[in-house]
C-alpha atoms as a PDB file:
ATOM      1  CA  UNK A   1     -10.780  -2.983  -0.822  1.00  0.00           C
ATOM      2  CA  UNK A   2      -9.794  -4.260   2.582  1.00  0.00           C
ATOM      3  CA  UNK A   3      -6.063  -4.936   3.032  1.00  0.00           C
ATOM      4  CA  UNK A   4      -4.656  -6.544   6.209  1.00  0.00           C
ATOM      5  CA  UNK A   5      -1.358  -5.563   7.002  1.00  0.00           C
ATOM      6  CA  UNK A   6       1.164  -7.460   9.611  1.00  0.00           C
ATOM      7  CA  UNK A   7       4.142  -6.028  11.423  1.00  0.00           C
ATOM      8  CA  UNK A   8       2.863  -2.293  11.713  1.00  0.00           C
ATOM      9  CA  UNK A   9       5.363  -1.697  14.535  1.00  0.00           C
ATOM     10  CA  UNK A  10       8.088  -2.450  12.252  1.00  0.00           C
ATOM     11  CA  UNK A  11       9.800   0.058   9.451  1.00  0.00           C
ATOM     12  CA  UNK A  12       8.025  -0.784   6.507  1.00  0.00           C
ATOM     13  CA  UNK A  13       4.383  -1.699   8.036  1.00  0.00           C
ATOM     14  CA  UNK A  14       4.589   1.341  10.197  1.00  0.00           C
ATOM     15  CA  UNK A  15       5.029   3.421   6.968  1.00  0.00           C
ATOM     16  CA  UNK A  16       2.350   1.739   4.882  1.00  0.00           C
ATOM     17  CA  UNK A  17      -0.202   2.365   7.896  1.00  0.00           C
ATOM     18  CA  UNK A  18       0.664   5.781   8.206  1.00  0.00           C
ATOM     19  CA  UNK A  19       0.781   6.624   4.401  1.00  0.00           C
ATOM     20  CA  UNK A  20      -2.545   4.774   3.792  1.00  0.00           C
ATOM     21  CA  UNK A  21      -4.171   6.752   6.547  1.00  0.00           C
ATOM     22  CA  UNK A  22      -3.218  10.389   4.136  1.00  0.00           C
ATOM     23  CA  UNK A  23      -3.926   8.433   1.163  1.00  0.00           C
ATOM     24  CA  UNK A  24      -6.544  10.463  -0.962  1.00  0.00           C
ATOM     25  CA  UNK A  25      -7.420   7.073  -2.934  1.00  0.00           C
ATOM     26  CA  UNK A  26     -10.784   5.993  -2.624  1.00  0.00           C
ATOM     27  CA  UNK A  27     -11.600   2.358  -1.817  1.00  0.00           C
ATOM     28  CA  UNK A  28      -8.632   1.050  -0.252  1.00  0.00           C
ATOM     29  CA  UNK A  29      -9.069   0.488   3.837  1.00  0.00           C
ATOM     30  CA  UNK A  30      -5.480  -0.401   5.295  1.00  0.00           C
ATOM     31  CA  UNK A  31      -6.084  -2.748   8.488  1.00  0.00           C
ATOM     32  CA  UNK A  32      -2.876  -2.948  10.552  1.00  0.00           C
ATOM     33  CA  UNK A  33      -2.584  -6.170  12.796  1.00  0.00           C
ATOM     34  CA  UNK A  34       0.246  -5.975  15.327  1.00  0.00           C
ATOM     35  CA  UNK A  35       1.647  -8.817  17.101  1.00  0.00           C
ATOM     36  CA  UNK A  36      -0.988  -9.012  19.883  1.00  0.00           C
ATOM     37  CA  UNK A  37      -3.450  -9.930  17.003  1.00  0.00           C
ATOM     38  CA  UNK A  38      -1.266 -11.689  14.572  1.00  0.00           C
ATOM     39  CA  UNK A  39       2.241 -13.437  15.715  1.00  0.00           C
ATOM     40  CA  UNK A  40       3.902 -14.757  12.828  1.00  0.00           C
ATOM     41  CA  UNK A  41       6.037 -16.855  15.640  1.00  0.00           C
ATOM     42  CA  UNK A  42       2.761 -18.437  16.448  1.00  0.00           C
ATOM     43  CA  UNK A  43       1.437 -19.557  12.978  1.00  0.00           C
ATOM     44  CA  UNK A  44      -1.806 -21.288  14.627  1.00  0.00           C
ATOM     45  CA  UNK A  45      -3.457 -17.976  15.128  1.00  0.00           C
ATOM     46  CA  UNK A  46      -3.475 -16.901  11.457  1.00  0.00           C
ATOM     47  CA  UNK A  47      -6.718 -18.241  10.609  1.00  0.00           C
ATOM     48  CA  UNK A  48      -8.443 -16.511  13.706  1.00  0.00           C
ATOM     49  CA  UNK A  49      -6.794 -13.161  12.704  1.00  0.00           C
ATOM     50  CA  UNK A  50      -8.007 -13.379   9.267  1.00  0.00           C
ATOM     51  CA  UNK A  51     -11.343 -14.536  10.326  1.00  0.00           C
ATOM     52  CA  UNK A  52     -11.534 -11.255  12.463  1.00  0.00           C
ATOM     53  CA  UNK A  53     -10.675  -8.831  10.045  1.00  0.00           C
ATOM     54  CA  UNK A  54     -12.137 -10.840   6.577  1.00  0.00           C
ATOM     55  CA  UNK A  55      -9.491  -9.157   4.062  1.00  0.00           C
ATOM     56  CA  UNK A  56      -9.295  -9.126   0.235  1.00  0.00           C
ATOM     57  CA  UNK A  57      -5.783  -8.512   0.641  1.00  0.00           C
ATOM     58  CA  UNK A  58      -2.588  -9.716   2.819  1.00  0.00           C
ATOM     59  CA  UNK A  59       0.563  -7.354   3.006  1.00  0.00           C
ATOM     60  CA  UNK A  60       3.149  -9.128   5.166  1.00  0.00           C
ATOM     61  CA  UNK A  61       6.361  -6.995   5.840  1.00  0.00           C
ATOM     62  CA  UNK A  62       6.915  -8.238   9.141  1.00  0.00           C
ATOM     63  CA  UNK A  63      10.184 -11.128   9.684  1.00  0.00           C
ATOM     64  CA  UNK A  64      12.726 -11.858  12.148  1.00  0.00           C
ATOM     65  CA  UNK A  65      15.439  -9.495  10.676  1.00  0.00           C
ATOM     66  CA  UNK A  66      17.955  -9.527  13.467  1.00  0.00           C
ATOM     67  CA  UNK A  67      20.527 -11.157  11.179  1.00  0.00           C
ATOM     68  CA  UNK A  68      23.314 -12.006  13.571  1.00  0.00           C
ATOM     69  CA  UNK A  69      21.337 -13.107  16.522  1.00  0.00           C
ATOM     70  CA  UNK A  70      19.476 -15.444  14.091  1.00  0.00           C
ATOM     71  CA  UNK A  71      22.804 -17.754  13.819  1.00  0.00           C
ATOM     72  CA  UNK A  72      21.819 -18.631  17.485  1.00  0.00           C
ATOM     73  CA  UNK A  73      18.066 -18.483  17.174  1.00  0.00           C
ATOM     74  CA  UNK A  74      17.936 -20.590  14.180  1.00  0.00           C
ATOM     75  CA  UNK A  75      14.706 -22.369  14.952  1.00  0.00           C
ATOM     76  CA  UNK A  76      13.056 -18.907  15.781  1.00  0.00           C
ATOM     77  CA  UNK A  77      13.917 -17.207  12.625  1.00  0.00           C
ATOM     78  CA  UNK A  78      12.317 -19.954  10.307  1.00  0.00           C
ATOM     79  CA  UNK A  79       9.598 -20.139  12.525  1.00  0.00           C
ATOM     80  CA  UNK A  80       8.765 -16.316  11.974  1.00  0.00           C
ATOM     81  CA  UNK A  81      10.340 -16.351   8.417  1.00  0.00           C
ATOM     82  CA  UNK A  82       9.077 -19.821   6.763  1.00  0.00           C
ATOM     83  CA  UNK A  83       6.405 -21.185   9.189  1.00  0.00           C
ATOM     84  CA  UNK A  84       4.474 -18.027   9.441  1.00  0.00           C
ATOM     85  CA  UNK A  85       4.242 -16.956   5.686  1.00  0.00           C
ATOM     86  CA  UNK A  86       3.501 -20.587   4.809  1.00  0.00           C
ATOM     87  CA  UNK A  87       0.478 -20.157   7.061  1.00  0.00           C
ATOM     88  CA  UNK A  88      -0.489 -16.648   5.861  1.00  0.00           C
ATOM     89  CA  UNK A  89      -0.458 -18.178   2.258  1.00  0.00           C
ATOM     90  CA  UNK A  90      -2.024 -21.596   3.139  1.00  0.00           C
ATOM     91  CA  UNK A  91      -4.775 -18.923   4.889  1.00  0.00           C
ATOM     92  CA  UNK A  92      -4.909 -16.863   1.549  1.00  0.00           C
ATOM     93  CA  UNK A  93      -5.475 -19.880  -0.460  1.00  0.00           C
ATOM     94  CA  UNK A  94      -8.741 -21.327   1.448  1.00  0.00           C
ATOM     95  CA  UNK A  95     -10.073 -17.573   1.493  1.00  0.00           C
ATOM     96  CA  UNK A  96      -9.480 -16.731  -2.262  1.00  0.00           C
ATOM     97  CA  UNK A  97      -7.390 -13.931  -1.634  1.00  0.00           C
ATOM     98  CA  UNK A  98      -3.964 -12.234  -2.431  1.00  0.00           C
ATOM     99  CA  UNK A  99      -0.799 -12.040  -0.528  1.00  0.00           C
ATOM    100  CA  UNK A 100       1.803  -9.323  -0.624  1.00  0.00           C
ATOM    101  CA  UNK A 101       4.826 -10.730   0.949  1.00  0.00           C
ATOM    102  CA  UNK A 102       8.232  -8.600   1.550  1.00  0.00           C
ATOM    103  CA  UNK A 103      11.419 -10.317   1.388  1.00  0.00           C
ATOM    104  CA  UNK A 104      15.539  -9.680   1.239  1.00  0.00           C
ATOM    105  CA  UNK A 105      18.389  -9.253  -0.727  1.00  0.00           C
ATOM    106  CA  UNK A 106      19.827 -11.550   1.381  1.00  0.00           C
ATOM    107  CA  UNK A 107      18.400 -14.578  -0.335  1.00  0.00           C
ATOM    108  CA  UNK A 108      21.375 -13.874  -2.587  1.00  0.00           C
ATOM    109  CA  UNK A 109      25.197 -15.114  -1.712  1.00  0.00           C
ATOM    110  CA  UNK A 110      26.702 -11.547  -3.221  1.00  0.00           C
ATOM    111  CA  UNK A 111      29.098 -13.356  -5.467  1.00  0.00           C
ATOM    112  CA  UNK A 112      27.186 -11.772  -8.554  1.00  0.00           C
ATOM    113  CA  UNK A 113      29.085  -8.512 -10.555  1.00  0.00           C
ATOM    114  CA  UNK A 114      25.720  -7.368 -12.147  1.00  0.00           C
ATOM    115  CA  UNK A 115      22.073  -6.484 -10.393  1.00  0.00           C
ATOM    116  CA  UNK A 116      20.569  -9.448  -9.447  1.00  0.00           C
ATOM    117  CA  UNK A 117      17.375 -10.331 -11.381  1.00  0.00           C
ATOM    118  CA  UNK A 118      14.233 -12.004  -9.655  1.00  0.00           C
ATOM    119  CA  UNK A 119      15.019 -14.984 -11.473  1.00  0.00           C
ATOM    120  CA  UNK A 120      19.033 -15.541 -10.429  1.00  0.00           C
ATOM    121  CA  UNK A 121      19.583 -18.782  -8.526  1.00  0.00           C
ATOM    122  CA  UNK A 122      19.726 -17.885  -4.955  1.00  0.00           C
ATOM    123  CA  UNK A 123      22.314 -19.303  -2.150  1.00  0.00           C
ATOM    124  CA  UNK A 124      21.852 -17.398   1.089  1.00  0.00           C
ATOM    125  CA  UNK A 125      25.007 -17.044   3.402  1.00  0.00           C
ATOM    126  CA  UNK A 126      23.545 -17.322   6.799  1.00  0.00           C
ATOM    127  CA  UNK A 127      20.098 -18.247   8.569  1.00  0.00           C
ATOM    128  CA  UNK A 128      18.448 -15.226   8.117  1.00  0.00           C
ATOM    129  CA  UNK A 129      18.827 -15.453   4.266  1.00  0.00           C
ATOM    130  CA  UNK A 130      17.787 -18.896   4.626  1.00  0.00           C
ATOM    131  CA  UNK A 131      14.611 -18.640   6.690  1.00  0.00           C
ATOM    132  CA  UNK A 132      13.384 -15.749   4.253  1.00  0.00           C
ATOM    133  CA  UNK A 133      14.155 -17.746   1.054  1.00  0.00           C
ATOM    134  CA  UNK A 134      12.555 -20.888   2.711  1.00  0.00           C
ATOM    135  CA  UNK A 135       9.626 -18.335   3.218  1.00  0.00           C
ATOM    136  CA  UNK A 136       9.334 -17.456  -0.472  1.00  0.00           C
ATOM    137  CA  UNK A 137       9.491 -21.104  -1.301  1.00  0.00           C
ATOM    138  CA  UNK A 138       6.892 -22.152   1.160  1.00  0.00           C
ATOM    139  CA  UNK A 139       4.373 -19.330  -0.348  1.00  0.00           C
ATOM    140  CA  UNK A 140       5.202 -20.455  -4.000  1.00  0.00           C
ATOM    141  CA  UNK A 141       3.906 -23.649  -3.030  1.00  0.00           C
ATOM    142  CA  UNK A 142       0.787 -22.797  -1.059  1.00  0.00           C
ATOM    143  CA  UNK A 143      -0.548 -19.684  -2.907  1.00  0.00           C
ATOM    144  CA  UNK A 144      -0.915 -19.119  -6.698  1.00  0.00           C
ATOM    145  CA  UNK A 145      -2.323 -15.498  -5.997  1.00  0.00           C
ATOM    146  CA  UNK A 146       1.055 -13.982  -4.821  1.00  0.00           C
ATOM    147  CA  UNK A 147       3.823 -11.233  -5.107  1.00  0.00           C
ATOM    148  CA  UNK A 148       7.284 -11.928  -3.491  1.00  0.00           C
ATOM    149  CA  UNK A 149       9.038  -8.046  -3.274  1.00  0.00           C
ATOM    150  CA  UNK A 150      12.538  -8.620  -2.286  1.00  0.00           C
ATOM    151  CA  UNK A 151      14.111  -5.361  -1.266  1.00  0.00           C
ATOM    152  CA  UNK A 152      17.458  -4.056   0.614  1.00  0.00           C
ATOM    153  CA  UNK A 153      19.065  -2.171   3.291  1.00  0.00           C
ATOM    154  CA  UNK A 154      16.056  -0.635   4.675  1.00  0.00           C
ATOM    155  CA  UNK A 155      16.098   2.572   6.732  1.00  0.00           C
ATOM    156  CA  UNK A 156      13.283   4.918   8.170  1.00  0.00           C
ATOM    157  CA  UNK A 157      13.167   8.249  10.072  1.00  0.00           C
ATOM    158  CA  UNK A 158      12.461   5.720  13.210  1.00  0.00           C
ATOM    159  CA  UNK A 159      13.463   2.666  14.474  1.00  0.00           C
ATOM    160  CA  UNK A 160      16.614   0.675  14.462  1.00  0.00           C
ATOM    161  CA  UNK A 161      18.410   1.130  11.354  1.00  0.00           C
ATOM    162  CA  UNK A 162      21.665   1.947   9.866  1.00  0.00           C
ATOM    163  CA  UNK A 163      20.634   5.855   9.189  1.00  0.00           C
ATOM    164  CA  UNK A 164      19.457   6.072  12.842  1.00  0.00           C
ATOM    165  CA  UNK A 165      22.594   4.077  14.079  1.00  0.00           C
ATOM    166  CA  UNK A 166      25.073   6.550  12.583  1.00  0.00           C
ATOM    167  CA  UNK A 167      23.305   9.431  13.881  1.00  0.00           C
ATOM    168  CA  UNK A 168      23.557   8.236  17.327  1.00  0.00           C
ATOM    169  CA  UNK A 169      27.251   7.248  17.506  1.00  0.00           C
ATOM    170  CA  UNK A 170      28.338  10.241  15.063  1.00  0.00           C
ATOM    171  CA  UNK A 171      26.913  13.095  16.947  1.00  0.00           C
ATOM    172  CA  UNK A 172      29.743  12.412  19.703  1.00  0.00           C
ATOM    173  CA  UNK A 173      32.750  10.740  18.125  1.00  0.00           C
ATOM    174  CA  UNK A 174      35.124  12.366  15.678  1.00  0.00           C
ATOM    175  CA  UNK A 175      35.560   9.226  13.822  1.00  0.00           C
ATOM    176  CA  UNK A 176      34.098   6.028  12.804  1.00  0.00           C
ATOM    177  CA  UNK A 177      34.711   2.806  10.838  1.00  0.00           C
ATOM    178  CA  UNK A 178      32.446   1.591   8.193  1.00  0.00           C
ATOM    179  CA  UNK A 179      32.988  -1.042   5.658  1.00  0.00           C
ATOM    180  CA  UNK A 180      33.576  -0.452   1.666  1.00  0.00           C
ATOM    181  CA  UNK A 181      33.270  -3.857   0.419  1.00  0.00           C
ATOM    182  CA  UNK A 182      29.799  -4.399   0.661  1.00  0.00           C
ATOM    183  CA  UNK A 183      27.983  -2.822  -2.089  1.00  0.00           C
ATOM    184  CA  UNK A 184      23.766  -2.555  -2.393  1.00  0.00           C
ATOM    185  CA  UNK A 185      21.067   0.182  -2.154  1.00  0.00           C
ATOM    186  CA  UNK A 186      19.620   1.874   0.922  1.00  0.00           C
ATOM    187  CA  UNK A 187      15.943   2.005   0.537  1.00  0.00           C
ATOM    188  CA  UNK A 188      13.833   4.032   2.684  1.00  0.00           C
ATOM    189  CA  UNK A 189      10.738   2.375   4.207  1.00  0.00           C
ATOM    190  CA  UNK A 190       8.550   5.262   2.676  1.00  0.00           C
ATOM    191  CA  UNK A 191       9.230   4.378  -0.778  1.00  0.00           C
ATOM    192  CA  UNK A 192       8.220   0.346   0.008  1.00  0.00           C
ATOM    193  CA  UNK A 193       4.986   1.128   1.192  1.00  0.00           C
ATOM    194  CA  UNK A 194       4.424   3.774  -1.651  1.00  0.00           C
ATOM    195  CA  UNK A 195       5.288   0.919  -3.945  1.00  0.00           C
ATOM    196  CA  UNK A 196       3.029  -1.807  -2.023  1.00  0.00           C
ATOM    197  CA  UNK A 197       0.449   0.841  -2.286  1.00  0.00           C
ATOM    198  CA  UNK A 198       0.657   1.410  -6.301  1.00  0.00           C
ATOM    199  CA  UNK A 199       0.456  -2.516  -6.357  1.00  0.00           C
ATOM    200  CA  UNK A 200      -2.685  -2.704  -4.029  1.00  0.00           C
ATOM    201  CA  UNK A 201      -4.035   0.229  -6.202  1.00  0.00           C
ATOM    202  CA  UNK A 202      -3.353  -1.841  -9.505  1.00  0.00           C
ATOM    203  CA  UNK A 203      -4.980  -4.818  -8.274  1.00  0.00           C
ATOM    204  CA  UNK A 204      -7.898  -2.916  -7.023  1.00  0.00           C
ATOM    205  CA  UNK A 205      -8.365  -1.021 -10.466  1.00  0.00           C
ATOM    206  CA  UNK A 206      -8.204  -4.633 -12.245  1.00  0.00           C
ATOM    207  CA  UNK A 207      -4.835  -4.742 -13.695  1.00  0.00           C
ATOM    208  CA  UNK A 208      -3.098  -6.312 -11.105  1.00  0.00           C
ATOM    209  CA  UNK A 209       0.641  -7.423 -11.794  1.00  0.00           C
ATOM    210  CA  UNK A 210       1.145 -10.910 -12.773  1.00  0.00           C
ATOM    211  CA  UNK A 211       1.794 -13.237  -9.791  1.00  0.00           C
ATOM    212  CA  UNK A 212       5.530 -13.913  -9.120  1.00  0.00           C
ATOM    213  CA  UNK A 213       9.061 -12.435  -7.274  1.00  0.00           C
ATOM    214  CA  UNK A 214      10.012  -9.210  -7.943  1.00  0.00           C
ATOM    215  CA  UNK A 215      12.459  -6.641  -6.842  1.00  0.00           C
ATOM    216  CA  UNK A 216      11.831  -3.172  -5.670  1.00  0.00           C
ATOM    217  CA  UNK A 217      14.626  -0.696  -4.304  1.00  0.00           C
ATOM    218  CA  UNK A 218      15.463   2.762  -4.699  1.00  0.00           C
ATOM    219  CA  UNK A 219      17.430   3.916  -7.600  1.00  0.00           C
ATOM    220  CA  UNK A 220      21.508   3.397  -7.669  1.00  0.00           C
ATOM    221  CA  UNK A 221      23.818   1.654  -5.529  1.00  0.00           C
ATOM    222  CA  UNK A 222      26.410   2.602  -2.835  1.00  0.00           C
ATOM    223  CA  UNK A 223      28.524   0.681   0.116  1.00  0.00           C
ATOM    224  CA  UNK A 224      27.891   1.002   3.505  1.00  0.00           C
ATOM    225  CA  UNK A 225      30.723   3.482   3.746  1.00  0.00           C
ATOM    226  CA  UNK A 226      29.047   5.706   0.959  1.00  0.00           C
ATOM    227  CA  UNK A 227      25.863   5.484   2.695  1.00  0.00           C
ATOM    228  CA  UNK A 228      27.528   6.663   6.124  1.00  0.00           C
ATOM    229  CA  UNK A 229      29.204   9.592   4.003  1.00  0.00           C
ATOM    230  CA  UNK A 230      25.759  11.057   2.516  1.00  0.00           C
ATOM    231  CA  UNK A 231      24.333  10.613   6.178  1.00  0.00           C
ATOM    232  CA  UNK A 232      26.691  12.828   7.732  1.00  0.00           C
ATOM    233  CA  UNK A 233      26.921  15.584   4.900  1.00  0.00           C
ATOM    234  CA  UNK A 234      23.106  15.980   5.636  1.00  0.00           C
ATOM    235  CA  UNK A 235      24.148  15.744   9.560  1.00  0.00           C
ATOM    236  CA  UNK A 236      27.069  18.451   9.145  1.00  0.00           C
ATOM    237  CA  UNK A 237      24.485  21.074   7.808  1.00  0.00           C
ATOM    238  CA  UNK A 238      22.774  20.404  11.486  1.00  0.00           C
ATOM    239  CA  UNK A 239      25.622  19.995  13.665  1.00  0.00           C
ATOM    240  CA  UNK A 240      28.326  22.145  12.261  1.00  0.00           C
ATOM    241  CA  UNK A 241      30.358  19.171  11.510  1.00  0.00           C
ATOM    242  CA  UNK A 242      30.640  15.862  10.574  1.00  0.00           C
ATOM    243  CA  UNK A 243      33.076  12.733  11.810  1.00  0.00           C
ATOM    244  CA  UNK A 244      35.485  11.040   9.979  1.00  0.00           C
ATOM    245  CA  UNK A 245      34.149   8.067   8.228  1.00  0.00           C
ATOM    246  CA  UNK A 246      37.245   5.670   7.822  1.00  0.00           C
ATOM    247  CA  UNK A 247      36.548   3.077   5.149  1.00  0.00           C
ATOM    248  CA  UNK A 248      37.499  -0.612   6.196  1.00  0.00           C
ATOM    249  CA  UNK A 249      37.227  -4.167   4.920  1.00  0.00           C
ATOM    250  CA  UNK A 250      34.348  -6.435   5.934  1.00  0.00           C
ATOM    251  CA  UNK A 251      37.248  -8.592   7.290  1.00  0.00           C
ATOM    252  CA  UNK A 252      37.942  -5.662   9.937  1.00  0.00           C
ATOM    253  CA  UNK A 253      34.707  -5.799  11.027  1.00  0.00           C
ATOM    254  CA  UNK A 254      33.694  -9.413  11.366  1.00  0.00           C
ATOM    255  CA  UNK A 255      30.008 -10.498  12.558  1.00  0.00           C
ATOM    256  CA  UNK A 256      28.443 -13.441  13.438  1.00  0.00           C
ATOM    257  CA  UNK A 257      26.735 -13.479   9.887  1.00  0.00           C
ATOM    258  CA  UNK A 258      28.185 -13.139   7.055  1.00  0.00           C
ATOM    259  CA  UNK A 259      27.005 -10.512   4.540  1.00  0.00           C
ATOM    260  CA  UNK A 260      26.798 -10.616   0.537  1.00  0.00           C
ATOM    261  CA  UNK A 261      29.469  -8.406  -0.897  1.00  0.00           C
ATOM    262  CA  UNK A 262      27.251  -7.635  -3.756  1.00  0.00           C
ATOM    263  CA  UNK A 263      23.520  -7.344  -3.707  1.00  0.00           C
ATOM    264  CA  UNK A 264      22.004  -4.697  -5.706  1.00  0.00           C
ATOM    265  CA  UNK A 265      18.670  -5.764  -7.139  1.00  0.00           C
ATOM    266  CA  UNK A 266      17.678  -5.174 -11.031  1.00  0.00           C
ATOM    267  CA  UNK A 267      14.242  -3.789 -10.346  1.00  0.00           C
ATOM    268  CA  UNK A 268      13.647  -3.794 -14.178  1.00  0.00           C
ATOM    269  CA  UNK A 269      10.535  -6.458 -14.117  1.00  0.00           C
ATOM    270  CA  UNK A 270       8.472  -4.587 -11.644  1.00  0.00           C
ATOM    271  CA  UNK A 271       9.019  -1.177 -13.316  1.00  0.00           C
ATOM    272  CA  UNK A 272       7.899  -2.551 -16.569  1.00  0.00           C
ATOM    273  CA  UNK A 273       4.999  -4.527 -15.207  1.00  0.00           C
ATOM    274  CA  UNK A 274       3.591  -1.299 -13.165  1.00  0.00           C
ATOM    275  CA  UNK A 275       4.804   1.671 -15.222  1.00  0.00           C
ATOM    276  CA  UNK A 276       3.139   3.920 -12.252  1.00  0.00           C
ATOM    277  CA  UNK A 277       5.714   2.396  -9.782  1.00  0.00           C
ATOM    278  CA  UNK A 278       7.116   5.126  -7.546  1.00  0.00           C
ATOM    279  CA  UNK A 279      10.785   5.244  -7.709  1.00  0.00           C
ATOM    280  CA  UNK A 280      13.385   7.748  -6.946  1.00  0.00           C
ATOM    281  CA  UNK A 281      17.105   7.888  -6.288  1.00  0.00           C
ATOM    282  CA  UNK A 282      18.341   6.618  -3.164  1.00  0.00           C
ATOM    283  CA  UNK A 283      20.074   9.998  -2.145  1.00  0.00           C
ATOM    284  CA  UNK A 284      16.589  11.982  -3.073  1.00  0.00           C
ATOM    285  CA  UNK A 285      14.756   9.187  -1.021  1.00  0.00           C
ATOM    286  CA  UNK A 286      17.505  10.020   1.840  1.00  0.00           C
ATOM    287  CA  UNK A 287      17.259  13.883   1.434  1.00  0.00           C
ATOM    288  CA  UNK A 288      13.487  13.303   2.908  1.00  0.00           C
ATOM    289  CA  UNK A 289      13.931  10.640   5.229  1.00  0.00           C
ATOM    290  CA  UNK A 290      16.913  12.592   6.791  1.00  0.00           C
ATOM    291  CA  UNK A 291      14.723  15.765   6.898  1.00  0.00           C
ATOM    292  CA  UNK A 292      11.763  13.844   8.579  1.00  0.00           C
ATOM    293  CA  UNK A 293      14.207  12.294  11.330  1.00  0.00           C
ATOM    294  CA  UNK A 294      15.907  15.592  12.252  1.00  0.00           C
ATOM    295  CA  UNK A 295      12.215  17.146  12.264  1.00  0.00           C
ATOM    296  CA  UNK A 296      11.128  14.767  14.923  1.00  0.00           C
ATOM    297  CA  UNK A 297      14.266  15.042  16.842  1.00  0.00           C
ATOM    298  CA  UNK A 298      13.568  18.612  17.114  1.00  0.00           C
ATOM    299  CA  UNK A 299       9.945  17.941  18.571  1.00  0.00           C
ATOM    300  CA  UNK A 300      11.117  16.218  21.110  1.00  0.00           C
END
């Protein structure tokens, strides 16, 4: 099975390409396509990219993810997050191939008190969430053979993400202020990649998960403050010190885009649909990703 993967310079797309290169599972050929060949900001190029690769399946982790900047770049965010996926879905429908599309917890308003199920009503708070929700809707309308995989709080050993930001600013500072009233689940890009590969294998083995919308994150939940404390607990073993992390409310850290206060996702439906789905606690995943981050730093 030939699988076209977008966004290979991003956290999830990059992890998927690297993981597939080491994957012993026969029969899966991952073709990573960068922005030079398939740029979702130019939806008209989608058909040409698919014709060149001739995939059996498309995986789309690519997205406009600058949450705050999206408030000023609404048109670009919607072009990349709505029009690009719409073009992908239409192209897949024409070729009778499937699409796995990565989406976000930011489609919810965060007013819930229990983990969000895929069937719960969406109500995004900002442009980023609204553009991603619009992309989901476009895919559902254009292509029956789709899986929409919502995830949250993505981080990796490389790239711009919360873990790496904390390590950069915390290395030389004695105190940081981090919000403690936003709840979610840190999810390693490598775990999302592993989940996607499990979905691809199931499809290849003729036991695919039914089309629809699903949630995938690590197990458990925390706050940004709790995530920061966990990062620095691990960093202390390397640094011999750790900064104090002061818990603050979101009101003391205003941002252009409002974040959902509670965006924990219920992953039950996907786990039941695919019993072989890999999943683990966010703390266990952090151990692995943090170790990879430190190893990379030591080799520089």
